[in-house]
Amino acid sequence: MFTVEEITLLRAFDTSTRRTAVLSLMNEMGMMEDMELISQCLSMVKKLESITDTEFYAVDFTVYDEDEEDEHE
């Protein structure tokens, strides 16, 4: 559903609900200058809008936490 890169980027936003994630992405895009980042965010907004809340809640946004902890050791 989401790539590793998309999940990593989404974790920088409020993912408490699917709707909140969409609004958070859209709000921050207004302040972005990097066109590639804006494009990635737009793609994620489209994906988020195309899935159900149930599918969204099944996404594990913590799946890469252990990898990040290992990098900091």
PDB file of N, CA and C in Angstrom:
ATOM      1  N   MET A   1       0.829  -1.191   0.000  1.00  0.00           N
ATOM      2  CA  MET A   1       0.000   0.000   0.000  1.00  0.00           C
ATOM      3  C   MET A   1       0.875   1.258   0.000  1.00  0.00           C
ATOM      4  N   PHE A   2       1.723   1.409   1.029  1.00  0.00           N
ATOM      5  CA  PHE A   2       2.650   2.535   1.087  1.00  0.00           C
ATOM      6  C   PHE A   2       4.075   2.008   1.027  1.00  0.00           C
ATOM      7  N   THR A   3       4.945   2.759   0.376  1.00  0.00           N
ATOM      8  CA  THR A   3       6.354   2.377   0.314  1.00  0.00           C
ATOM      9  C   THR A   3       7.036   2.734   1.631  1.00  0.00           C
ATOM     10  N   VAL A   4       8.237   2.216   1.821  1.00  0.00           N
ATOM     11  CA  VAL A   4       9.030   2.543   3.004  1.00  0.00           C
ATOM     12  C   VAL A   4       9.225   4.054   3.085  1.00  0.00           C
ATOM     13  N   GLU A   5       9.541   4.669   1.954  1.00  0.00           N
ATOM     14  CA  GLU A   5       9.772   6.111   1.920  1.00  0.00           C
ATOM     15  C   GLU A   5       8.514   6.885   2.301  1.00  0.00           C
ATOM     16  N   GLU A   6       7.364   6.426   1.830  1.00  0.00           N
ATOM     17  CA  GLU A   6       6.105   7.107   2.137  1.00  0.00           C
ATOM     18  C   GLU A   6       5.766   6.996   3.621  1.00  0.00           C
ATOM     19  N   ILE A   7       5.968   5.813   4.187  1.00  0.00           N
ATOM     20  CA  ILE A   7       5.696   5.646   5.617  1.00  0.00           C
ATOM     21  C   ILE A   7       6.635   6.516   6.430  1.00  0.00           C
ATOM     22  N   THR A   8       7.900   6.541   6.042  1.00  0.00           N
ATOM     23  CA  THR A   8       8.867   7.376   6.744  1.00  0.00           C
ATOM     24  C   THR A   8       8.455   8.839   6.685  1.00  0.00           C
ATOM     25  N   LEU A   9       8.041   9.310   5.529  1.00  0.00           N
ATOM     26  CA  LEU A   9       7.605  10.697   5.384  1.00  0.00           C
ATOM     27  C   LEU A   9       6.309  10.950   6.148  1.00  0.00           C
ATOM     28  N   LEU A  10       5.367  10.031   6.060  1.00  0.00           N
ATOM     29  CA  LEU A  10       4.087  10.196   6.766  1.00  0.00           C
ATOM     30  C   LEU A  10       4.275  10.306   8.270  1.00  0.00           C
ATOM     31  N   ARG A  11       5.296   9.661   8.796  1.00  0.00           N
ATOM     32  CA  ARG A  11       5.537   9.702  10.239  1.00  0.00           C
ATOM     33  C   ARG A  11       5.876  11.107  10.718  1.00  0.00           C
ATOM     34  N   ALA A  12       6.256  11.988   9.812  1.00  0.00           N
ATOM     35  CA  ALA A  12       6.545  13.374  10.181  1.00  0.00           C
ATOM     36  C   ALA A  12       5.265  14.187  10.355  1.00  0.00           C
ATOM     37  N   PHE A  13       4.138  13.596   9.990  1.00  0.00           N
ATOM     38  CA  PHE A  13       2.853  14.283  10.053  1.00  0.00           C
ATOM     39  C   PHE A  13       1.951  13.613  11.082  1.00  0.00           C
ATOM     40  N   ASP A  14       0.839  14.255  11.376  1.00  0.00           N
ATOM     41  CA  ASP A  14      -0.141  13.710  12.317  1.00  0.00           C
ATOM     42  C   ASP A  14      -0.914  12.593  11.626  1.00  0.00           C
ATOM     43  N   THR A  15      -0.688  11.371  12.062  1.00  0.00           N
ATOM     44  CA  THR A  15      -1.362  10.220  11.457  1.00  0.00           C
ATOM     45  C   THR A  15      -2.363   9.592  12.425  1.00  0.00           C
ATOM     46  N   SER A  16      -2.908  10.403  13.326  1.00  0.00           N
ATOM     47  CA  SER A  16      -3.862   9.868  14.301  1.00  0.00           C
ATOM     48  C   SER A  16      -5.124   9.336  13.630  1.00  0.00           C
ATOM     49  N   THR A  17      -5.527   9.959  12.524  1.00  0.00           N
ATOM     50  CA  THR A  17      -6.629   9.451  11.699  1.00  0.00           C
ATOM     51  C   THR A  17      -6.257   9.687  10.241  1.00  0.00           C
ATOM     52  N   ARG A  18      -6.950   9.015   9.356  1.00  0.00           N
ATOM     53  CA  ARG A  18      -6.677   9.193   7.919  1.00  0.00           C
ATOM     54  C   ARG A  18      -6.961  10.636   7.510  1.00  0.00           C
ATOM     55  N   ARG A  19      -8.078  11.173   7.945  1.00  0.00           N
ATOM     56  CA  ARG A  19      -8.461  12.552   7.600  1.00  0.00           C
ATOM     57  C   ARG A  19      -7.445  13.557   8.147  1.00  0.00           C
ATOM     58  N   THR A  20      -6.995  13.337   9.367  1.00  0.00           N
ATOM     59  CA  THR A  20      -5.996  14.219   9.961  1.00  0.00           C
ATOM     60  C   THR A  20      -4.690  14.156   9.183  1.00  0.00           C
ATOM     61  N   ALA A  21      -4.315  12.972   8.735  1.00  0.00           N
ATOM     62  CA  ALA A  21      -3.092  12.821   7.941  1.00  0.00           C
ATOM     63  C   ALA A  21      -3.199  13.612   6.641  1.00  0.00           C
ATOM     64  N   VAL A  22      -4.353  13.522   5.977  1.00  0.00           N
ATOM     65  CA  VAL A  22      -4.568  14.273   4.730  1.00  0.00           C
ATOM     66  C   VAL A  22      -4.473  15.769   5.001  1.00  0.00           C
ATOM     67  N   LEU A  23      -5.158  16.238   6.027  1.00  0.00           N
ATOM     68  CA  LEU A  23      -5.148  17.671   6.344  1.00  0.00           C
ATOM     69  C   LEU A  23      -3.755  18.143   6.743  1.00  0.00           C
ATOM     70  N   SER A  24      -3.042  17.327   7.496  1.00  0.00           N
ATOM     71  CA  SER A  24      -1.687  17.668   7.914  1.00  0.00           C
ATOM     72  C   SER A  24      -0.758  17.801   6.708  1.00  0.00           C
ATOM     73  N   LEU A  25      -0.845  16.848   5.796  1.00  0.00           N
ATOM     74  CA  LEU A  25      -0.036  16.904   4.571  1.00  0.00           C
ATOM     75  C   LEU A  25      -0.368  18.146   3.752  1.00  0.00           C
ATOM     76  N   MET A  26      -1.654  18.390   3.558  1.00  0.00           N
ATOM     77  CA  MET A  26      -2.070  19.522   2.728  1.00  0.00           C
ATOM     78  C   MET A  26      -1.660  20.850   3.358  1.00  0.00           C
ATOM     79  N   ASN A  27      -1.761  20.939   4.666  1.00  0.00           N
ATOM     80  CA  ASN A  27      -1.375  22.160   5.363  1.00  0.00           C
ATOM     81  C   ASN A  27       0.118  22.448   5.195  1.00  0.00           C
ATOM     82  N   GLU A  28       0.927  21.425   5.363  1.00  0.00           N
ATOM     83  CA  GLU A  28       2.378  21.603   5.259  1.00  0.00           C
ATOM     84  C   GLU A  28       2.839  21.834   3.822  1.00  0.00           C
ATOM     85  N   MET A  29       2.128  21.281   2.849  1.00  0.00           N
ATOM     86  CA  MET A  29       2.521  21.468   1.449  1.00  0.00           C
ATOM     87  C   MET A  29       2.523  22.944   1.065  1.00  0.00           C
ATOM     88  N   GLY A  30       1.671  23.728   1.688  1.00  0.00           N
ATOM     89  CA  GLY A  30       1.617  25.155   1.391  1.00  0.00           C
ATOM     90  C   GLY A  30       2.895  25.890   1.753  1.00  0.00           C
ATOM     91  N   MET A  31       3.697  25.288   2.620  1.00  0.00           N
ATOM     92  CA  MET A  31       4.947  25.922   3.053  1.00  0.00           C
ATOM     93  C   MET A  31       6.176  25.290   2.413  1.00  0.00           C
ATOM     94  N   MET A  32       5.969  24.258   1.608  1.00  0.00           N
ATOM     95  CA  MET A  32       7.096  23.557   0.978  1.00  0.00           C
ATOM     96  C   MET A  32       7.530  24.254  -0.303  1.00  0.00           C
ATOM     97  N   GLU A  33       8.830  24.215  -0.552  1.00  0.00           N
ATOM     98  CA  GLU A  33       9.381  24.792  -1.773  1.00  0.00           C
ATOM     99  C   GLU A  33       9.934  23.724  -2.713  1.00  0.00           C
ATOM    100  N   ASP A  34      10.254  22.559  -2.175  1.00  0.00           N
ATOM    101  CA  ASP A  34      10.837  21.469  -2.960  1.00  0.00           C
ATOM    102  C   ASP A  34       9.738  20.772  -3.754  1.00  0.00           C
ATOM    103  N   MET A  35       9.797  20.870  -5.072  1.00  0.00           N
ATOM    104  CA  MET A  35       8.746  20.316  -5.930  1.00  0.00           C
ATOM    105  C   MET A  35       8.661  18.790  -5.843  1.00  0.00           C
ATOM    106  N   GLU A  36       9.786  18.126  -5.646  1.00  0.00           N
ATOM    107  CA  GLU A  36       9.768  16.666  -5.512  1.00  0.00           C
ATOM    108  C   GLU A  36       9.032  16.256  -4.235  1.00  0.00           C
ATOM    109  N   LEU A  37       9.291  16.969  -3.148  1.00  0.00           N
ATOM    110  CA  LEU A  37       8.611  16.686  -1.887  1.00  0.00           C
ATOM    111  C   LEU A  37       7.118  16.973  -2.001  1.00  0.00           C
ATOM    112  N   ILE A  38       6.772  18.064  -2.653  1.00  0.00           N
ATOM    113  CA  ILE A  38       5.361  18.396  -2.873  1.00  0.00           C
ATOM    114  C   ILE A  38       4.689  17.295  -3.687  1.00  0.00           C
ATOM    115  N   SER A  39       5.364  16.825  -4.714  1.00  0.00           N
ATOM    116  CA  SER A  39       4.828  15.754  -5.552  1.00  0.00           C
ATOM    117  C   SER A  39       4.603  14.475  -4.745  1.00  0.00           C
ATOM    118  N   GLN A  40       5.552  14.135  -3.881  1.00  0.00           N
ATOM    119  CA  GLN A  40       5.406  12.949  -3.030  1.00  0.00           C
ATOM    120  C   GLN A  40       4.218  13.110  -2.087  1.00  0.00           C
ATOM    121  N   CYS A  41       4.071  14.290  -1.525  1.00  0.00           N
ATOM    122  CA  CYS A  41       2.960  14.538  -0.605  1.00  0.00           C
ATOM    123  C   CYS A  41       1.624  14.471  -1.332  1.00  0.00           C
ATOM    124  N   LEU A  42       1.560  15.021  -2.532  1.00  0.00           N
ATOM    125  CA  LEU A  42       0.320  14.942  -3.314  1.00  0.00           C
ATOM    126  C   LEU A  42      -0.042  13.492  -3.620  1.00  0.00           C
ATOM    127  N   SER A  43       0.958  12.696  -3.943  1.00  0.00           N
ATOM    128  CA  SER A  43       0.737  11.280  -4.211  1.00  0.00           C
ATOM    129  C   SER A  43       0.189  10.581  -2.969  1.00  0.00           C
ATOM    130  N   MET A  44       0.742  10.912  -1.813  1.00  0.00           N
ATOM    131  CA  MET A  44       0.266  10.300  -0.576  1.00  0.00           C
ATOM    132  C   MET A  44      -1.154  10.745  -0.238  1.00  0.00           C
ATOM    133  N   VAL A  45      -1.473  12.004  -0.490  1.00  0.00           N
ATOM    134  CA  VAL A  45      -2.836  12.486  -0.258  1.00  0.00           C
ATOM    135  C   VAL A  45      -3.811  11.679  -1.107  1.00  0.00           C
ATOM    136  N   LYS A  46      -3.458  11.468  -2.373  1.00  0.00           N
ATOM    137  CA  LYS A  46      -4.325  10.683  -3.259  1.00  0.00           C
ATOM    138  C   LYS A  46      -4.492   9.257  -2.746  1.00  0.00           C
ATOM    139  N   LYS A  47      -3.388   8.646  -2.295  1.00  0.00           N
ATOM    140  CA  LYS A  47      -3.472   7.288  -1.751  1.00  0.00           C
ATOM    141  C   LYS A  47      -4.349   7.262  -0.506  1.00  0.00           C
ATOM    142  N   LEU A  48      -4.144   8.236   0.376  1.00  0.00           N
ATOM    143  CA  LEU A  48      -4.927   8.285   1.611  1.00  0.00           C
ATOM    144  C   LEU A  48      -6.411   8.474   1.326  1.00  0.00           C
ATOM    145  N   GLU A  49      -6.712   9.267   0.311  1.00  0.00           N
ATOM    146  CA  GLU A  49      -8.113   9.500  -0.040  1.00  0.00           C
ATOM    147  C   GLU A  49      -8.748   8.282  -0.711  1.00  0.00           C
ATOM    148  N   SER A  50      -7.911   7.396  -1.251  1.00  0.00           N
ATOM    149  CA  SER A  50      -8.446   6.235  -1.967  1.00  0.00           C
ATOM    150  C   SER A  50      -8.635   5.003  -1.080  1.00  0.00           C
ATOM    151  N   ILE A  51      -8.151   5.063   0.160  1.00  0.00           N
ATOM    152  CA  ILE A  51      -8.301   3.917   1.052  1.00  0.00           C
ATOM    153  C   ILE A  51      -9.356   4.215   2.115  1.00  0.00           C
ATOM    154  N   THR A  52      -9.795   3.167   2.775  1.00  0.00           N
ATOM    155  CA  THR A  52     -10.779   3.324   3.846  1.00  0.00           C
ATOM    156  C   THR A  52     -10.065   3.601   5.169  1.00  0.00           C
ATOM    157  N   ASP A  53     -10.837   4.046   6.147  1.00  0.00           N
ATOM    158  CA  ASP A  53     -10.270   4.243   7.481  1.00  0.00           C
ATOM    159  C   ASP A  53      -9.742   2.925   8.042  1.00  0.00           C
ATOM    160  N   THR A  54     -10.442   1.844   7.788  1.00  0.00           N
ATOM    161  CA  THR A  54     -10.006   0.526   8.263  1.00  0.00           C
ATOM    162  C   THR A  54      -8.650   0.159   7.673  1.00  0.00           C
ATOM    163  N   GLU A  55      -8.477   0.398   6.385  1.00  0.00           N
ATOM    164  CA  GLU A  55      -7.182   0.122   5.743  1.00  0.00           C
ATOM    165  C   GLU A  55      -6.095   1.018   6.329  1.00  0.00           C
ATOM    166  N   PHE A  56      -6.431   2.269   6.592  1.00  0.00           N
ATOM    167  CA  PHE A  56      -5.460   3.202   7.162  1.00  0.00           C
ATOM    168  C   PHE A  56      -5.014   2.739   8.547  1.00  0.00           C
ATOM    169  N   TYR A  57      -5.972   2.333   9.378  1.00  0.00           N
ATOM    170  CA  TYR A  57      -5.630   1.902  10.735  1.00  0.00           C
ATOM    171  C   TYR A  57      -4.801   0.627  10.741  1.00  0.00           C
ATOM    172  N   ALA A  58      -4.800  -0.110   9.652  1.00  0.00           N
ATOM    173  CA  ALA A  58      -3.993  -1.328   9.553  1.00  0.00           C
ATOM    174  C   ALA A  58      -2.529  -1.028   9.222  1.00  0.00           C
ATOM    175  N   VAL A  59      -2.229   0.196   8.814  1.00  0.00           N
ATOM    176  CA  VAL A  59      -0.852   0.572   8.477  1.00  0.00           C
ATOM    177  C   VAL A  59      -0.054   0.716   9.771  1.00  0.00           C
ATOM    178  N   ASP A  60       1.082   0.058   9.836  1.00  0.00           N
ATOM    179  CA  ASP A  60       1.946   0.117  11.010  1.00  0.00           C
ATOM    180  C   ASP A  60       3.011   1.187  10.789  1.00  0.00           C
ATOM    181  N   PHE A  61       2.785   2.354  11.384  1.00  0.00           N
ATOM    182  CA  PHE A  61       3.732   3.454  11.223  1.00  0.00           C
ATOM    183  C   PHE A  61       4.951   3.296  12.128  1.00  0.00           C
ATOM    184  N   THR A  62       4.957   2.292  12.990  1.00  0.00           N
ATOM    185  CA  THR A  62       6.097   2.079  13.882  1.00  0.00           C
ATOM    186  C   THR A  62       7.019   0.977  13.383  1.00  0.00           C
ATOM    187  N   VAL A  63       6.710   0.406  12.245  1.00  0.00           N
ATOM    188  CA  VAL A  63       7.443  -0.751  11.742  1.00  0.00           C
ATOM    189  C   VAL A  63       8.939  -0.484  11.588  1.00  0.00           C
ATOM    190  N   TYR A  64       9.332   0.743  11.362  1.00  0.00           N
ATOM    191  CA  TYR A  64      10.751   1.045  11.153  1.00  0.00           C
ATOM    192  C   TYR A  64      11.404   1.682  12.369  1.00  0.00           C
ATOM    193  N   ASP A  65      10.701   1.769  13.494  1.00  0.00           N
ATOM    194  CA  ASP A  65      11.265   2.346  14.713  1.00  0.00           C
ATOM    195  C   ASP A  65      12.520   1.616  15.160  1.00  0.00           C
ATOM    196  N   GLU A  66      12.498   0.289  15.134  1.00  0.00           N
ATOM    197  CA  GLU A  66      13.638  -0.500  15.586  1.00  0.00           C
ATOM    198  C   GLU A  66      14.861  -0.226  14.719  1.00  0.00           C
ATOM    199  N   ASP A  67      14.674  -0.100  13.415  1.00  0.00           N
ATOM    200  CA  ASP A  67      15.789   0.196  12.514  1.00  0.00           C
ATOM    201  C   ASP A  67      16.415   1.533  12.861  1.00  0.00           C
ATOM    202  N   GLU A  68      15.596   2.527  13.162  1.00  0.00           N
ATOM    203  CA  GLU A  68      16.107   3.849  13.505  1.00  0.00           C
ATOM    204  C   GLU A  68      16.845   3.815  14.829  1.00  0.00           C
ATOM    205  N   GLU A  69      16.345   3.046  15.797  1.00  0.00           N
ATOM    206  CA  GLU A  69      17.016   2.932  17.083  1.00  0.00           C
ATOM    207  C   GLU A  69      18.380   2.293  16.904  1.00  0.00           C
ATOM    208  N   ASP A  70      18.481   1.287  16.044  1.00  0.00           N
ATOM    209  CA  ASP A  70      19.754   0.624  15.778  1.00  0.00           C
ATOM    210  C   ASP A  70      20.758   1.587  15.161  1.00  0.00           C
ATOM    211  N   GLU A  71      20.300   2.496  14.325  1.00  0.00           N
ATOM    212  CA  GLU A  71      21.185   3.452  13.672  1.00  0.00           C
ATOM    213  C   GLU A  71      21.766   4.448  14.665  1.00  0.00           C
ATOM    214  N   HIS A  72      21.048   4.734  15.748  1.00  0.00           N
ATOM    215  CA  HIS A  72      21.489   5.725  16.721  1.00  0.00           C
ATOM    216  C   HIS A  72      22.411   5.135  17.784  1.00  0.00           C
ATOM    217  N   GLU A  73      22.580   3.838  17.788  1.00  0.00           N
ATOM    218  CA  GLU A  73      23.433   3.202  18.801  1.00  0.00           C
ATOM    219  C   GLU A  73      24.872   3.208  18.392  1.00  0.00           C
TER     220      GLU A  73
END
